[in-house]
Amino acid sequence: MMELWQTEWCPASRRIRQRLTELDVSYVLHQVPVEKADRGALRAATGADSIPALVLEDGRAVIGEGPIGAHLHEHVAEPAGAEAHREKAEKARRREIQEAAHALLVQTKTHARATEVSR
């Protein structure tokens, strides 16, 4: 089984997770420490300290979003449900952006009111 070394805060990692989902690929997920100095397990598994990194079933490591995407494109056929996954992910991203914008607006209004009251 493939192994993905990644973090939740990394946009490239998110895109690779999304692509693996679209391709219906099962994989083991490894969270990577923020500090590169603390990434000994990642270096041992991949020979690198950057993410995302995908360890293939044969033990070879593919490092970086571009190379991982190219490898997947070349070696994994896209199933019929891939487009439905893309559409669902896009809807979820739009909803997340709208919710974040609304929360920011509420926070800004609350802060403005608190500032007015304290004057």
PDB file of N, CA and C in Angstrom:
ATOM      1  N   MET A   1       0.849  -1.177   0.000  1.00  0.00           N
ATOM      2  CA  MET A   1       0.000   0.000   0.000  1.00  0.00           C
ATOM      3  C   MET A   1       0.896   1.241   0.000  1.00  0.00           C
ATOM      4  N   MET A   2       0.470   2.263  -0.736  1.00  0.00           N
ATOM      5  CA  MET A   2       1.224   3.508  -0.768  1.00  0.00           C
ATOM      6  C   MET A   2       1.147   4.214   0.580  1.00  0.00           C
ATOM      7  N   GLU A   3       2.162   5.045   0.850  1.00  0.00           N
ATOM      8  CA  GLU A   3       2.208   5.829   2.078  1.00  0.00           C
ATOM      9  C   GLU A   3       2.399   7.291   1.717  1.00  0.00           C
ATOM     10  N   LEU A   4       1.515   8.139   2.218  1.00  0.00           N
ATOM     11  CA  LEU A   4       1.605   9.573   1.975  1.00  0.00           C
ATOM     12  C   LEU A   4       2.100  10.254   3.241  1.00  0.00           C
ATOM     13  N   TRP A   5       3.210  10.959   3.124  1.00  0.00           N
ATOM     14  CA  TRP A   5       3.763  11.766   4.206  1.00  0.00           C
ATOM     15  C   TRP A   5       3.338  13.191   3.933  1.00  0.00           C
ATOM     16  N   GLN A   6       2.651  13.805   4.920  1.00  0.00           N
ATOM     17  CA  GLN A   6       2.021  15.090   4.667  1.00  0.00           C
ATOM     18  C   GLN A   6       1.653  15.797   5.960  1.00  0.00           C
ATOM     19  N   THR A   7       1.084  17.006   5.830  1.00  0.00           N
ATOM     20  CA  THR A   7       0.498  17.722   6.961  1.00  0.00           C
ATOM     21  C   THR A   7      -0.838  18.297   6.522  1.00  0.00           C
ATOM     22  N   GLU A   8      -1.688  18.573   7.478  1.00  0.00           N
ATOM     23  CA  GLU A   8      -2.998  19.147   7.181  1.00  0.00           C
ATOM     24  C   GLU A   8      -2.903  20.592   6.727  1.00  0.00           C
ATOM     25  N   TRP A   9      -1.864  21.319   7.143  1.00  0.00           N
ATOM     26  CA  TRP A   9      -1.747  22.733   6.788  1.00  0.00           C
ATOM     27  C   TRP A   9      -1.107  22.958   5.426  1.00  0.00           C
ATOM     28  N   CYS A  10      -0.643  21.925   4.789  1.00  0.00           N
ATOM     29  CA  CYS A  10       0.061  22.050   3.506  1.00  0.00           C
ATOM     30  C   CYS A  10      -0.928  21.961   2.339  1.00  0.00           C
ATOM     31  N   PRO A  11      -1.086  23.045   1.555  1.00  0.00           N
ATOM     32  CA  PRO A  11      -2.013  23.005   0.422  1.00  0.00           C
ATOM     33  C   PRO A  11      -1.672  21.914  -0.604  1.00  0.00           C
ATOM     34  N   ALA A  12      -0.387  21.693  -0.854  1.00  0.00           N
ATOM     35  CA  ALA A  12       0.003  20.651  -1.814  1.00  0.00           C
ATOM     36  C   ALA A  12      -0.395  19.272  -1.300  1.00  0.00           C
ATOM     37  N   SER A  13      -0.248  19.052   0.013  1.00  0.00           N
ATOM     38  CA  SER A  13      -0.661  17.775   0.598  1.00  0.00           C
ATOM     39  C   SER A  13      -2.156  17.571   0.427  1.00  0.00           C
ATOM     40  N   ARG A  14      -2.938  18.640   0.648  1.00  0.00           N
ATOM     41  CA  ARG A  14      -4.392  18.546   0.476  1.00  0.00           C
ATOM     42  C   ARG A  14      -4.739  18.165  -0.957  1.00  0.00           C
ATOM     43  N   ARG A  15      -4.051  18.790  -1.905  1.00  0.00           N
ATOM     44  CA  ARG A  15      -4.349  18.485  -3.312  1.00  0.00           C
ATOM     45  C   ARG A  15      -3.981  17.042  -3.658  1.00  0.00           C
ATOM     46  N   ILE A  16      -2.884  16.538  -3.103  1.00  0.00           N
ATOM     47  CA  ILE A  16      -2.509  15.140  -3.359  1.00  0.00           C
ATOM     48  C   ILE A  16      -3.521  14.191  -2.713  1.00  0.00           C
ATOM     49  N   ARG A  17      -3.949  14.498  -1.479  1.00  0.00           N
ATOM     50  CA  ARG A  17      -4.992  13.660  -0.850  1.00  0.00           C
ATOM     51  C   ARG A  17      -6.247  13.642  -1.719  1.00  0.00           C
ATOM     52  N   GLN A  18      -6.631  14.808  -2.231  1.00  0.00           N
ATOM     53  CA  GLN A  18      -7.808  14.896  -3.096  1.00  0.00           C
ATOM     54  C   GLN A  18      -7.627  14.032  -4.346  1.00  0.00           C
ATOM     55  N   ARG A  19      -6.454  14.103  -4.954  1.00  0.00           N
ATOM     56  CA  ARG A  19      -6.214  13.326  -6.173  1.00  0.00           C
ATOM     57  C   ARG A  19      -6.252  11.827  -5.885  1.00  0.00           C
ATOM     58  N   LEU A  20      -5.665  11.416  -4.764  1.00  0.00           N
ATOM     59  CA  LEU A  20      -5.715  10.006  -4.401  1.00  0.00           C
ATOM     60  C   LEU A  20      -7.156   9.554  -4.171  1.00  0.00           C
ATOM     61  N   THR A  21      -7.973  10.429  -3.588  1.00  0.00           N
ATOM     62  CA  THR A  21      -9.393  10.114  -3.393  1.00  0.00           C
ATOM     63  C   THR A  21     -10.090   9.967  -4.738  1.00  0.00           C
ATOM     64  N   GLU A  22      -9.839  10.927  -5.642  1.00  0.00           N
ATOM     65  CA  GLU A  22     -10.435  10.849  -6.977  1.00  0.00           C
ATOM     66  C   GLU A  22     -10.083   9.547  -7.674  1.00  0.00           C
ATOM     67  N   LEU A  23      -8.846   9.101  -7.481  1.00  0.00           N
ATOM     68  CA  LEU A  23      -8.368   7.887  -8.142  1.00  0.00           C
ATOM     69  C   LEU A  23      -8.752   6.615  -7.391  1.00  0.00           C
ATOM     70  N   ASP A  24      -9.433   6.774  -6.251  1.00  0.00           N
ATOM     71  CA  ASP A  24      -9.861   5.636  -5.438  1.00  0.00           C
ATOM     72  C   ASP A  24      -8.671   4.787  -4.989  1.00  0.00           C
ATOM     73  N   VAL A  25      -7.593   5.478  -4.600  1.00  0.00           N
ATOM     74  CA  VAL A  25      -6.380   4.815  -4.140  1.00  0.00           C
ATOM     75  C   VAL A  25      -6.381   4.791  -2.612  1.00  0.00           C
ATOM     76  N   SER A  26      -6.201   3.620  -2.045  1.00  0.00           N
ATOM     77  CA  SER A  26      -6.045   3.496  -0.594  1.00  0.00           C
ATOM     78  C   SER A  26      -4.583   3.737  -0.259  1.00  0.00           C
ATOM     79  N   TYR A  27      -4.348   4.381   0.878  1.00  0.00           N
ATOM     80  CA  TYR A  27      -2.978   4.687   1.276  1.00  0.00           C
ATOM     81  C   TYR A  27      -2.915   4.871   2.781  1.00  0.00           C
ATOM     82  N   VAL A  28      -1.713   4.752   3.308  1.00  0.00           N
ATOM     83  CA  VAL A  28      -1.448   5.012   4.710  1.00  0.00           C
ATOM     84  C   VAL A  28      -0.992   6.461   4.811  1.00  0.00           C
ATOM     85  N   LEU A  29      -1.495   7.152   5.813  1.00  0.00           N
ATOM     86  CA  LEU A  29      -1.189   8.568   5.988  1.00  0.00           C
ATOM     87  C   LEU A  29      -0.244   8.750   7.169  1.00  0.00           C
ATOM     88  N   HIS A  30       0.818   9.515   6.947  1.00  0.00           N
ATOM     89  CA  HIS A  30       1.767   9.843   8.011  1.00  0.00           C
ATOM     90  C   HIS A  30       1.791  11.354   8.177  1.00  0.00           C
ATOM     91  N   GLN A  31       1.526  11.827   9.393  1.00  0.00           N
ATOM     92  CA  GLN A  31       1.645  13.255   9.690  1.00  0.00           C
ATOM     93  C   GLN A  31       3.126  13.571   9.899  1.00  0.00           C
ATOM     94  N   VAL A  32       3.538  14.724   9.409  1.00  0.00           N
ATOM     95  CA  VAL A  32       4.931  15.129   9.471  1.00  0.00           C
ATOM     96  C   VAL A  32       5.068  16.324  10.412  1.00  0.00           C
ATOM     97  N   PRO A  33       6.098  16.339  11.255  1.00  0.00           N
ATOM     98  CA  PRO A  33       6.311  17.489  12.142  1.00  0.00           C
ATOM     99  C   PRO A  33       6.525  18.782  11.350  1.00  0.00           C
ATOM    100  N   VAL A  34       6.174  19.887  11.968  1.00  0.00           N
ATOM    101  CA  VAL A  34       6.339  21.199  11.334  1.00  0.00           C
ATOM    102  C   VAL A  34       7.814  21.483  11.068  1.00  0.00           C
ATOM    103  N   GLU A  35       8.651  21.269  12.059  1.00  0.00           N
ATOM    104  CA  GLU A  35      10.075  21.590  11.945  1.00  0.00           C
ATOM    105  C   GLU A  35      10.817  20.512  11.153  1.00  0.00           C
ATOM    106  N   LYS A  36      11.550  20.947  10.129  1.00  0.00           N
ATOM    107  CA  LYS A  36      12.291  19.991   9.310  1.00  0.00           C
ATOM    108  C   LYS A  36      13.310  19.210  10.124  1.00  0.00           C
ATOM    109  N   ALA A  37      13.850  19.811  11.160  1.00  0.00           N
ATOM    110  CA  ALA A  37      14.834  19.124  12.009  1.00  0.00           C
ATOM    111  C   ALA A  37      14.225  17.914  12.718  1.00  0.00           C
ATOM    112  N   ASP A  38      12.912  17.919  12.875  1.00  0.00           N
ATOM    113  CA  ASP A  38      12.216  16.834  13.579  1.00  0.00           C
ATOM    114  C   ASP A  38      11.658  15.766  12.637  1.00  0.00           C
ATOM    115  N   ARG A  39      12.067  15.784  11.398  1.00  0.00           N
ATOM    116  CA  ARG A  39      11.500  14.880  10.392  1.00  0.00           C
ATOM    117  C   ARG A  39      12.369  13.662  10.096  1.00  0.00           C
ATOM    118  N   GLY A  40      12.957  13.091  11.138  1.00  0.00           N
ATOM    119  CA  GLY A  40      13.823  11.929  10.951  1.00  0.00           C
ATOM    120  C   GLY A  40      13.116  10.748  10.313  1.00  0.00           C
ATOM    121  N   ALA A  41      11.892  10.474  10.737  1.00  0.00           N
ATOM    122  CA  ALA A  41      11.148   9.342  10.175  1.00  0.00           C
ATOM    123  C   ALA A  41      10.863   9.568   8.690  1.00  0.00           C
ATOM    124  N   LEU A  42      10.535  10.798   8.325  1.00  0.00           N
ATOM    125  CA  LEU A  42      10.304  11.125   6.910  1.00  0.00           C
ATOM    126  C   LEU A  42      11.585  10.924   6.105  1.00  0.00           C
ATOM    127  N   ARG A  43      12.713  11.427   6.622  1.00  0.00           N
ATOM    128  CA  ARG A  43      13.992  11.267   5.923  1.00  0.00           C
ATOM    129  C   ARG A  43      14.356   9.789   5.780  1.00  0.00           C
ATOM    130  N   ALA A  44      14.100   9.012   6.827  1.00  0.00           N
ATOM    131  CA  ALA A  44      14.412   7.577   6.767  1.00  0.00           C
ATOM    132  C   ALA A  44      13.557   6.869   5.719  1.00  0.00           C
ATOM    133  N   ALA A  45      12.300   7.266   5.593  1.00  0.00           N
ATOM    134  CA  ALA A  45      11.378   6.602   4.662  1.00  0.00           C
ATOM    135  C   ALA A  45      11.554   7.062   3.221  1.00  0.00           C
ATOM    136  N   THR A  46      11.946   8.354   3.039  1.00  0.00           N
ATOM    137  CA  THR A  46      11.941   8.916   1.687  1.00  0.00           C
ATOM    138  C   THR A  46      13.286   9.447   1.202  1.00  0.00           C
ATOM    139  N   GLY A  47      14.200   9.681   2.126  1.00  0.00           N
ATOM    140  CA  GLY A  47      15.473  10.283   1.750  1.00  0.00           C
ATOM    141  C   GLY A  47      15.392  11.792   1.629  1.00  0.00           C
ATOM    142  N   ALA A  48      14.259  12.367   1.979  1.00  0.00           N
ATOM    143  CA  ALA A  48      14.055  13.816   1.866  1.00  0.00           C
ATOM    144  C   ALA A  48      13.342  14.312   3.117  1.00  0.00           C
ATOM    145  N   ASP A  49      13.284  15.643   3.256  1.00  0.00           N
ATOM    146  CA  ASP A  49      12.569  16.202   4.408  1.00  0.00           C
ATOM    147  C   ASP A  49      11.445  17.144   3.987  1.00  0.00           C
ATOM    148  N   SER A  50      11.037  17.063   2.716  1.00  0.00           N
ATOM    149  CA  SER A  50       9.950  17.931   2.242  1.00  0.00           C
ATOM    150  C   SER A  50       8.702  17.114   1.937  1.00  0.00           C
ATOM    151  N   ILE A  51       7.579  17.812   1.931  1.00  0.00           N
ATOM    152  CA  ILE A  51       6.277  17.184   1.717  1.00  0.00           C
ATOM    153  C   ILE A  51       5.552  17.885   0.579  1.00  0.00           C
ATOM    154  N   PRO A  52       4.575  17.231   0.009  1.00  0.00           N
ATOM    155  CA  PRO A  52       4.173  15.846   0.239  1.00  0.00           C
ATOM    156  C   PRO A  52       5.189  14.866  -0.346  1.00  0.00           C
ATOM    157  N   ALA A  53       5.210  13.698   0.236  1.00  0.00           N
ATOM    158  CA  ALA A  53       6.064  12.617  -0.244  1.00  0.00           C
ATOM    159  C   ALA A  53       5.215  11.349  -0.283  1.00  0.00           C
ATOM    160  N   LEU A  54       5.308  10.644  -1.382  1.00  0.00           N
ATOM    161  CA  LEU A  54       4.541   9.413  -1.564  1.00  0.00           C
ATOM    162  C   LEU A  54       5.508   8.243  -1.710  1.00  0.00           C
ATOM    163  N   VAL A  55       5.405   7.282  -0.798  1.00  0.00           N
ATOM    164  CA  VAL A  55       6.212   6.066  -0.888  1.00  0.00           C
ATOM    165  C   VAL A  55       5.360   5.030  -1.613  1.00  0.00           C
ATOM    166  N   LEU A  56       5.885   4.546  -2.711  1.00  0.00           N
ATOM    167  CA  LEU A  56       5.160   3.589  -3.547  1.00  0.00           C
ATOM    168  C   LEU A  56       5.244   2.184  -2.957  1.00  0.00           C
ATOM    169  N   GLU A  57       4.427   1.288  -3.494  1.00  0.00           N
ATOM    170  CA  GLU A  57       4.400  -0.085  -2.998  1.00  0.00           C
ATOM    171  C   GLU A  57       5.747  -0.779  -3.109  1.00  0.00           C
ATOM    172  N   ASP A  58       6.569  -0.372  -4.078  1.00  0.00           N
ATOM    173  CA  ASP A  58       7.892  -0.996  -4.243  1.00  0.00           C
ATOM    174  C   ASP A  58       8.973  -0.322  -3.399  1.00  0.00           C
ATOM    175  N   GLY A  59       8.577   0.659  -2.567  1.00  0.00           N
ATOM    176  CA  GLY A  59       9.518   1.318  -1.673  1.00  0.00           C
ATOM    177  C   GLY A  59      10.138   2.584  -2.217  1.00  0.00           C
ATOM    178  N   ARG A  60       9.972   2.853  -3.502  1.00  0.00           N
ATOM    179  CA  ARG A  60      10.509   4.101  -4.062  1.00  0.00           C
ATOM    180  C   ARG A  60       9.698   5.280  -3.544  1.00  0.00           C
ATOM    181  N   ALA A  61      10.352   6.420  -3.396  1.00  0.00           N
ATOM    182  CA  ALA A  61       9.679   7.627  -2.927  1.00  0.00           C
ATOM    183  C   ALA A  61       9.571   8.633  -4.070  1.00  0.00           C
ATOM    184  N   VAL A  62       8.424   9.273  -4.141  1.00  0.00           N
ATOM    185  CA  VAL A  62       8.197  10.356  -5.086  1.00  0.00           C
ATOM    186  C   VAL A  62       7.951  11.591  -4.231  1.00  0.00           C
ATOM    187  N   ILE A  63       8.746  12.641  -4.438  1.00  0.00           N
ATOM    188  CA  ILE A  63       8.720  13.812  -3.577  1.00  0.00           C
ATOM    189  C   ILE A  63       8.176  15.017  -4.333  1.00  0.00           C
ATOM    190  N   GLY A  64       7.219  15.706  -3.733  1.00  0.00           N
ATOM    191  CA  GLY A  64       6.687  16.943  -4.304  1.00  0.00           C
ATOM    192  C   GLY A  64       5.393  16.736  -5.066  1.00  0.00           C
ATOM    193  N   GLU A  65       4.583  17.784  -5.063  1.00  0.00           N
ATOM    194  CA  GLU A  65       3.267  17.700  -5.698  1.00  0.00           C
ATOM    195  C   GLU A  65       3.351  17.398  -7.188  1.00  0.00           C
ATOM    196  N   GLY A  66       4.211  18.092  -7.907  1.00  0.00           N
ATOM    197  CA  GLY A  66       4.323  17.877  -9.355  1.00  0.00           C
ATOM    198  C   GLY A  66       4.731  16.457  -9.716  1.00  0.00           C
ATOM    199  N   PRO A  67       5.846  15.973  -9.154  1.00  0.00           N
ATOM    200  CA  PRO A  67       6.248  14.601  -9.455  1.00  0.00           C
ATOM    201  C   PRO A  67       5.222  13.550  -9.013  1.00  0.00           C
ATOM    202  N   ILE A  68       4.588  13.764  -7.864  1.00  0.00           N
ATOM    203  CA  ILE A  68       3.568  12.811  -7.423  1.00  0.00           C
ATOM    204  C   ILE A  68       2.399  12.816  -8.408  1.00  0.00           C
ATOM    205  N   GLY A  69       1.936  14.008  -8.785  1.00  0.00           N
ATOM    206  CA  GLY A  69       0.839  14.103  -9.751  1.00  0.00           C
ATOM    207  C   GLY A  69       1.178  13.433 -11.064  1.00  0.00           C
ATOM    208  N   ALA A  70       2.405  13.655 -11.547  1.00  0.00           N
ATOM    209  CA  ALA A  70       2.832  13.036 -12.806  1.00  0.00           C
ATOM    210  C   ALA A  70       2.870  11.518 -12.676  1.00  0.00           C
ATOM    211  N   HIS A  71       3.374  11.023 -11.548  1.00  0.00           N
ATOM    212  CA  HIS A  71       3.427   9.572 -11.343  1.00  0.00           C
ATOM    213  C   HIS A  71       2.011   8.989 -11.342  1.00  0.00           C
ATOM    214  N   LEU A  72       1.110   9.627 -10.615  1.00  0.00           N
ATOM    215  CA  LEU A  72      -0.260   9.117 -10.556  1.00  0.00           C
ATOM    216  C   LEU A  72      -0.912   9.140 -11.931  1.00  0.00           C
ATOM    217  N   HIS A  73      -0.686  10.219 -12.679  1.00  0.00           N
ATOM    218  CA  HIS A  73      -1.266  10.336 -14.025  1.00  0.00           C
ATOM    219  C   HIS A  73      -0.771   9.206 -14.928  1.00  0.00           C
ATOM    220  N   GLU A  74       0.511   8.887 -14.787  1.00  0.00           N
ATOM    221  CA  GLU A  74       1.113   7.872 -15.653  1.00  0.00           C
ATOM    222  C   GLU A  74       0.757   6.438 -15.245  1.00  0.00           C
ATOM    223  N   HIS A  75       0.552   6.196 -13.937  1.00  0.00           N
ATOM    224  CA  HIS A  75       0.423   4.820 -13.469  1.00  0.00           C
ATOM    225  C   HIS A  75      -0.936   4.408 -12.903  1.00  0.00           C
ATOM    226  N   VAL A  76      -1.839   5.361 -12.698  1.00  0.00           N
ATOM    227  CA  VAL A  76      -3.135   5.019 -12.105  1.00  0.00           C
ATOM    228  C   VAL A  76      -4.251   5.517 -13.022  1.00  0.00           C
ATOM    229  N   ALA A  77      -5.074   4.597 -13.474  1.00  0.00           N
ATOM    230  CA  ALA A  77      -6.188   4.960 -14.350  1.00  0.00           C
ATOM    231  C   ALA A  77      -7.259   5.695 -13.545  1.00  0.00           C
ATOM    232  N   GLU A  78      -7.824   6.717 -14.151  1.00  0.00           N
ATOM    233  CA  GLU A  78      -8.873   7.485 -13.481  1.00  0.00           C
ATOM    234  C   GLU A  78     -10.200   6.732 -13.569  1.00  0.00           C
ATOM    235  N   PRO A  79     -10.804   6.444 -12.410  1.00  0.00           N
ATOM    236  CA  PRO A  79     -12.074   5.710 -12.426  1.00  0.00           C
ATOM    237  C   PRO A  79     -13.244   6.616 -12.826  1.00  0.00           C
ATOM    238  N   ALA A  80     -14.368   5.996 -13.093  1.00  0.00           N
ATOM    239  CA  ALA A  80     -15.556   6.730 -13.533  1.00  0.00           C
ATOM    240  C   ALA A  80     -16.019   7.770 -12.509  1.00  0.00           C
ATOM    241  N   GLY A  81     -15.826   7.528 -11.213  1.00  0.00           N
ATOM    242  CA  GLY A  81     -16.318   8.433 -10.188  1.00  0.00           C
ATOM    243  C   GLY A  81     -15.420   9.618  -9.879  1.00  0.00           C
ATOM    244  N   ALA A  82     -14.316   9.759 -10.578  1.00  0.00           N
ATOM    245  CA  ALA A  82     -13.351  10.824 -10.271  1.00  0.00           C
ATOM    246  C   ALA A  82     -13.964  12.213 -10.410  1.00  0.00           C
ATOM    247  N   GLU A  83     -14.712  12.439 -11.450  1.00  0.00           N
ATOM    248  CA  GLU A  83     -15.313  13.766 -11.666  1.00  0.00           C
ATOM    249  C   GLU A  83     -16.295  14.116 -10.553  1.00  0.00           C
ATOM    250  N   ALA A  84     -17.063  13.140 -10.098  1.00  0.00           N
ATOM    251  CA  ALA A  84     -18.000  13.391  -9.000  1.00  0.00           C
ATOM    252  C   ALA A  84     -17.251  13.797  -7.734  1.00  0.00           C
ATOM    253  N   HIS A  85     -16.097  13.178  -7.476  1.00  0.00           N
ATOM    254  CA  HIS A  85     -15.271  13.570  -6.324  1.00  0.00           C
ATOM    255  C   HIS A  85     -14.784  15.015  -6.478  1.00  0.00           C
ATOM    256  N   ARG A  86     -14.340  15.382  -7.683  1.00  0.00           N
ATOM    257  CA  ARG A  86     -13.863  16.753  -7.930  1.00  0.00           C
ATOM    258  C   ARG A  86     -14.967  17.766  -7.691  1.00  0.00           C
ATOM    259  N   GLU A  87     -16.162  17.482  -8.198  1.00  0.00           N
ATOM    260  CA  GLU A  87     -17.286  18.399  -8.032  1.00  0.00           C
ATOM    261  C   GLU A  87     -17.660  18.550  -6.560  1.00  0.00           C
ATOM    262  N   LYS A  88     -17.700  17.439  -5.833  1.00  0.00           N
ATOM    263  CA  LYS A  88     -18.037  17.476  -4.408  1.00  0.00           C
ATOM    264  C   LYS A  88     -16.983  18.266  -3.626  1.00  0.00           C
ATOM    265  N   ALA A  89     -15.724  18.058  -3.955  1.00  0.00           N
ATOM    266  CA  ALA A  89     -14.641  18.770  -3.279  1.00  0.00           C
ATOM    267  C   ALA A  89     -14.728  20.273  -3.550  1.00  0.00           C
ATOM    268  N   GLU A  90     -15.064  20.647  -4.765  1.00  0.00           N
ATOM    269  CA  GLU A  90     -15.193  22.068  -5.097  1.00  0.00           C
ATOM    270  C   GLU A  90     -16.347  22.705  -4.335  1.00  0.00           C
ATOM    271  N   LYS A  91     -17.454  22.019  -4.233  1.00  0.00           N
ATOM    272  CA  LYS A  91     -18.589  22.533  -3.447  1.00  0.00           C
ATOM    273  C   LYS A  91     -18.195  22.699  -1.977  1.00  0.00           C
ATOM    274  N   ALA A  92     -17.487  21.727  -1.448  1.00  0.00           N
ATOM    275  CA  ALA A  92     -17.058  21.800  -0.048  1.00  0.00           C
ATOM    276  C   ALA A  92     -16.096  22.963   0.156  1.00  0.00           C
ATOM    277  N   ARG A  93     -15.173  23.196  -0.780  1.00  0.00           N
ATOM    278  CA  ARG A  93     -14.234  24.326  -0.669  1.00  0.00           C
ATOM    279  C   ARG A  93     -14.971  25.652  -0.707  1.00  0.00           C
ATOM    280  N   ARG A  94     -15.949  25.780  -1.605  1.00  0.00           N
ATOM    281  CA  ARG A  94     -16.737  27.025  -1.668  1.00  0.00           C
ATOM    282  C   ARG A  94     -17.477  27.263  -0.364  1.00  0.00           C
ATOM    283  N   ARG A  95     -18.083  26.211   0.184  1.00  0.00           N
ATOM    284  CA  ARG A  95     -18.803  26.320   1.452  1.00  0.00           C
ATOM    285  C   ARG A  95     -17.846  26.715   2.577  1.00  0.00           C
ATOM    286  N   GLU A  96     -16.669  26.129   2.611  1.00  0.00           N
ATOM    287  CA  GLU A  96     -15.681  26.447   3.641  1.00  0.00           C
ATOM    288  C   GLU A  96     -15.249  27.914   3.544  1.00  0.00           C
ATOM    289  N   ILE A  97     -15.048  28.399   2.347  1.00  0.00           N
ATOM    290  CA  ILE A  97     -14.672  29.806   2.152  1.00  0.00           C
ATOM    291  C   ILE A  97     -15.803  30.721   2.605  1.00  0.00           C
ATOM    292  N   GLN A  98     -17.025  30.389   2.250  1.00  0.00           N
ATOM    293  CA  GLN A  98     -18.170  31.202   2.671  1.00  0.00           C
ATOM    294  C   GLN A  98     -18.310  31.213   4.187  1.00  0.00           C
ATOM    295  N   GLU A  99     -18.133  30.070   4.823  1.00  0.00           N
ATOM    296  CA  GLU A  99     -18.233  30.004   6.282  1.00  0.00           C
ATOM    297  C   GLU A  99     -17.121  30.804   6.943  1.00  0.00           C
ATOM    298  N   ALA A 100     -15.924  30.734   6.406  1.00  0.00           N
ATOM    299  CA  ALA A 100     -14.799  31.491   6.964  1.00  0.00           C
ATOM    300  C   ALA A 100     -15.030  32.991   6.795  1.00  0.00           C
ATOM    301  N   ALA A 101     -15.542  33.385   5.633  1.00  0.00           N
ATOM    302  CA  ALA A 101     -15.832  34.800   5.401  1.00  0.00           C
ATOM    303  C   ALA A 101     -16.906  35.293   6.358  1.00  0.00           C
ATOM    304  N   HIS A 102     -17.927  34.500   6.578  1.00  0.00           N
ATOM    305  CA  HIS A 102     -18.991  34.879   7.504  1.00  0.00           C
ATOM    306  C   HIS A 102     -18.446  34.999   8.926  1.00  0.00           C
ATOM    307  N   ALA A 103     -17.628  34.052   9.345  1.00  0.00           N
ATOM    308  CA  ALA A 103     -17.050  34.095  10.693  1.00  0.00           C
ATOM    309  C   ALA A 103     -16.173  35.328  10.858  1.00  0.00           C
ATOM    310  N   LEU A 104     -15.425  35.678   9.836  1.00  0.00           N
ATOM    311  CA  LEU A 104     -14.578  36.871   9.887  1.00  0.00           C
ATOM    312  C   LEU A 104     -15.429  38.124   9.979  1.00  0.00           C
ATOM    313  N   LEU A 105     -16.506  38.176   9.236  1.00  0.00           N
ATOM    314  CA  LEU A 105     -17.415  39.320   9.289  1.00  0.00           C
ATOM    315  C   LEU A 105     -18.012  39.477  10.682  1.00  0.00           C
ATOM    316  N   VAL A 106     -18.472  38.388  11.262  1.00  0.00           N
ATOM    317  CA  VAL A 106     -19.031  38.423  12.616  1.00  0.00           C
ATOM    318  C   VAL A 106     -17.970  38.881  13.608  1.00  0.00           C
ATOM    319  N   GLN A 107     -16.774  38.345  13.486  1.00  0.00           N
ATOM    320  CA  GLN A 107     -15.681  38.720  14.385  1.00  0.00           C
ATOM    321  C   GLN A 107     -15.348  40.204  14.243  1.00  0.00           C
ATOM    322  N   THR A 108     -15.319  40.702  13.032  1.00  0.00           N
ATOM    323  CA  THR A 108     -15.018  42.114  12.789  1.00  0.00           C
ATOM    324  C   THR A 108     -16.100  43.003  13.392  1.00  0.00           C
ATOM    325  N   LYS A 109     -17.366  42.645  13.199  1.00  0.00           N
ATOM    326  CA  LYS A 109     -18.470  43.428  13.764  1.00  0.00           C
ATOM    327  C   LYS A 109     -18.427  43.400  15.290  1.00  0.00           C
ATOM    328  N   THR A 110     -18.147  42.234  15.862  1.00  0.00           N
ATOM    329  CA  THR A 110     -18.065  42.111  17.324  1.00  0.00           C
ATOM    330  C   THR A 110     -16.933  42.971  17.865  1.00  0.00           C
ATOM    331  N   HIS A 111     -15.806  42.951  17.191  1.00  0.00           N
ATOM    332  CA  HIS A 111     -14.661  43.760  17.622  1.00  0.00           C
ATOM    333  C   HIS A 111     -14.992  45.248  17.512  1.00  0.00           C
ATOM    334  N   ALA A 112     -15.665  45.637  16.441  1.00  0.00           N
ATOM    335  CA  ALA A 112     -16.037  47.051  16.243  1.00  0.00           C
ATOM    336  C   ALA A 112     -16.991  47.497  17.351  1.00  0.00           C
ATOM    337  N   ARG A 113     -17.947  46.665  17.678  1.00  0.00           N
ATOM    338  CA  ARG A 113     -18.886  47.007  18.757  1.00  0.00           C
ATOM    339  C   ARG A 113     -18.170  47.142  20.107  1.00  0.00           C
ATOM    340  N   ALA A 114     -17.259  46.216  20.383  1.00  0.00           N
ATOM    341  CA  ALA A 114     -16.512  46.243  21.635  1.00  0.00           C
ATOM    342  C   ALA A 114     -15.642  47.499  21.707  1.00  0.00           C
ATOM    343  N   THR A 115     -15.082  47.897  20.586  1.00  0.00           N
ATOM    344  CA  THR A 115     -14.262  49.112  20.541  1.00  0.00           C
ATOM    345  C   THR A 115     -15.116  50.336  20.799  1.00  0.00           C
ATOM    346  N   GLU A 116     -16.307  50.385  20.219  1.00  0.00           N
ATOM    347  CA  GLU A 116     -17.226  51.509  20.417  1.00  0.00           C
ATOM    348  C   GLU A 116     -17.660  51.604  21.871  1.00  0.00           C
ATOM    349  N   VAL A 117     -17.968  50.468  22.487  1.00  0.00           N
ATOM    350  CA  VAL A 117     -18.415  50.453  23.872  1.00  0.00           C
ATOM    351  C   VAL A 117     -17.306  50.927  24.806  1.00  0.00           C
ATOM    352  N   SER A 118     -16.066  50.589  24.507  1.00  0.00           N
ATOM    353  CA  SER A 118     -14.959  50.945  25.386  1.00  0.00           C
ATOM    354  C   SER A 118     -14.547  52.403  25.245  1.00  0.00           C
ATOM    355  N   ARG A 119     -15.051  53.107  24.261  1.00  0.00           N
ATOM    356  CA  ARG A 119     -14.697  54.518  24.066  1.00  0.00           C
ATOM    357  C   ARG A 119     -15.537  55.367  24.914  1.00  0.00           C
TER     358      ARG A 119
END
